[in-house]
Amino acid sequence: MLARRKFSELLFGVTHPYGIDVTEKDFDRVNVEELKQFFNKYYTSNNCAIIAAGHLPGNMRSNAQQIFRKRHLGSIL
């Protein structure tokens, strides 16, 4: 674990999100309201994409659009 932390720090740098090591003090700085705001901003159906791959039936796209538009999801690629 310590080696992985140091490797990420050296690879990405201490200012990059992947190079930063989280400490116990970091959790003390977060409050419930910030967590709710983050959740409501990033964990919504508007931030969603559906990707289907492989040998799919010709009506797959239209069927998916019909089903998932009713649920107010994001784009269908």
Protein backbone atom coordinates (compact mmCIF):
# COMPACT_ATOMS: atom_id res chain seq x y z
CA MET A 1 0.00 0.00 0.00
CA LEU A 2 2.76 2.43 0.87
CA ALA A 3 4.60 1.62 -2.34
CA ARG A 4 1.43 2.21 -4.40
CA ARG A 5 0.90 5.58 -2.75
CA LYS A 6 4.48 6.65 -3.36
CA PHE A 7 4.38 5.37 -6.94
CA SER A 8 1.22 7.40 -7.70
CA GLU A 9 2.74 10.47 -6.09
CA LEU A 10 5.92 10.16 -8.17
CA LEU A 11 4.09 9.29 -11.38
CA PHE A 12 1.40 11.97 -11.28
CA GLY A 13 2.80 14.57 -8.88
CA VAL A 14 1.50 15.71 -5.52
CA THR A 15 -0.89 18.26 -7.05
CA HIS A 16 -2.65 15.80 -9.39
CA PRO A 17 -5.81 14.07 -8.05
CA TYR A 18 -4.22 10.63 -8.63
CA GLY A 19 -1.05 11.66 -6.80
CA ILE A 20 -2.69 13.06 -3.69
CA ASP A 21 -2.81 10.83 -0.64
CA VAL A 22 -6.00 11.11 1.41
CA THR A 23 -5.55 11.58 5.13
CA GLU A 24 -7.92 11.36 8.07
CA LYS A 25 -7.93 15.17 8.32
CA ASP A 26 -9.37 15.38 4.78
CA PHE A 27 -12.56 13.67 5.97
CA ASP A 28 -12.95 16.18 8.80
CA ARG A 29 -13.11 19.01 6.24
CA VAL A 30 -16.08 17.55 4.35
CA ASN A 31 -19.59 18.28 5.55
CA VAL A 32 -22.94 16.69 4.77
CA GLU A 33 -24.17 19.64 2.71
CA GLU A 34 -21.12 19.44 0.42
CA LEU A 35 -21.69 15.73 -0.07
CA LYS A 36 -25.34 16.31 -0.97
CA GLN A 37 -24.41 19.02 -3.47
CA PHE A 38 -21.77 16.80 -5.07
CA PHE A 39 -24.18 13.88 -5.29
CA ASN A 40 -26.97 16.00 -6.82
CA LYS A 41 -24.57 17.48 -9.38
CA TYR A 42 -22.78 14.33 -10.54
CA TYR A 43 -25.05 11.38 -9.76
CA THR A 44 -28.00 12.24 -11.96
CA SER A 45 -29.56 10.57 -14.95
CA ASN A 46 -28.50 13.59 -17.04
CA ASN A 47 -24.89 12.45 -16.54
CA CYS A 48 -25.58 9.03 -18.03
CA ALA A 49 -24.80 7.39 -21.35
CA ILE A 50 -25.87 3.94 -22.53
CA ILE A 51 -23.43 2.12 -24.79
CA ALA A 52 -24.38 -1.14 -26.50
CA ALA A 53 -21.84 -3.20 -28.44
CA GLY A 54 -21.80 -6.39 -30.40
CA HIS A 55 -24.17 -7.90 -32.96
CA LEU A 56 -27.35 -6.05 -32.05
CA PRO A 57 -30.79 -6.18 -33.68
CA GLY A 58 -31.62 -3.34 -36.04
CA ASN A 59 -34.30 -1.94 -33.75
CA MET A 60 -32.04 -1.89 -30.68
CA ARG A 61 -31.40 1.87 -30.78
CA SER A 62 -35.05 2.85 -31.17
CA ASN A 63 -36.16 0.37 -28.48
CA ALA A 64 -33.53 1.66 -26.04
CA GLN A 65 -34.50 5.27 -26.74
CA GLN A 66 -38.17 4.49 -26.18
CA ILE A 67 -37.51 2.69 -22.88
CA PHE A 68 -34.92 5.00 -21.38
CA ARG A 69 -36.36 8.34 -22.46
CA LYS A 70 -39.31 7.56 -20.20
CA ARG A 71 -36.83 7.46 -17.32
CA HIS A 72 -35.24 10.82 -18.29
CA LEU A 73 -31.79 9.38 -18.79
CA GLY A 74 -28.95 11.02 -20.69
CA SER A 75 -27.77 10.23 -24.21
CA ILE A 76 -27.92 6.90 -25.98
CA LEU A 77 -24.80 6.35 -28.08
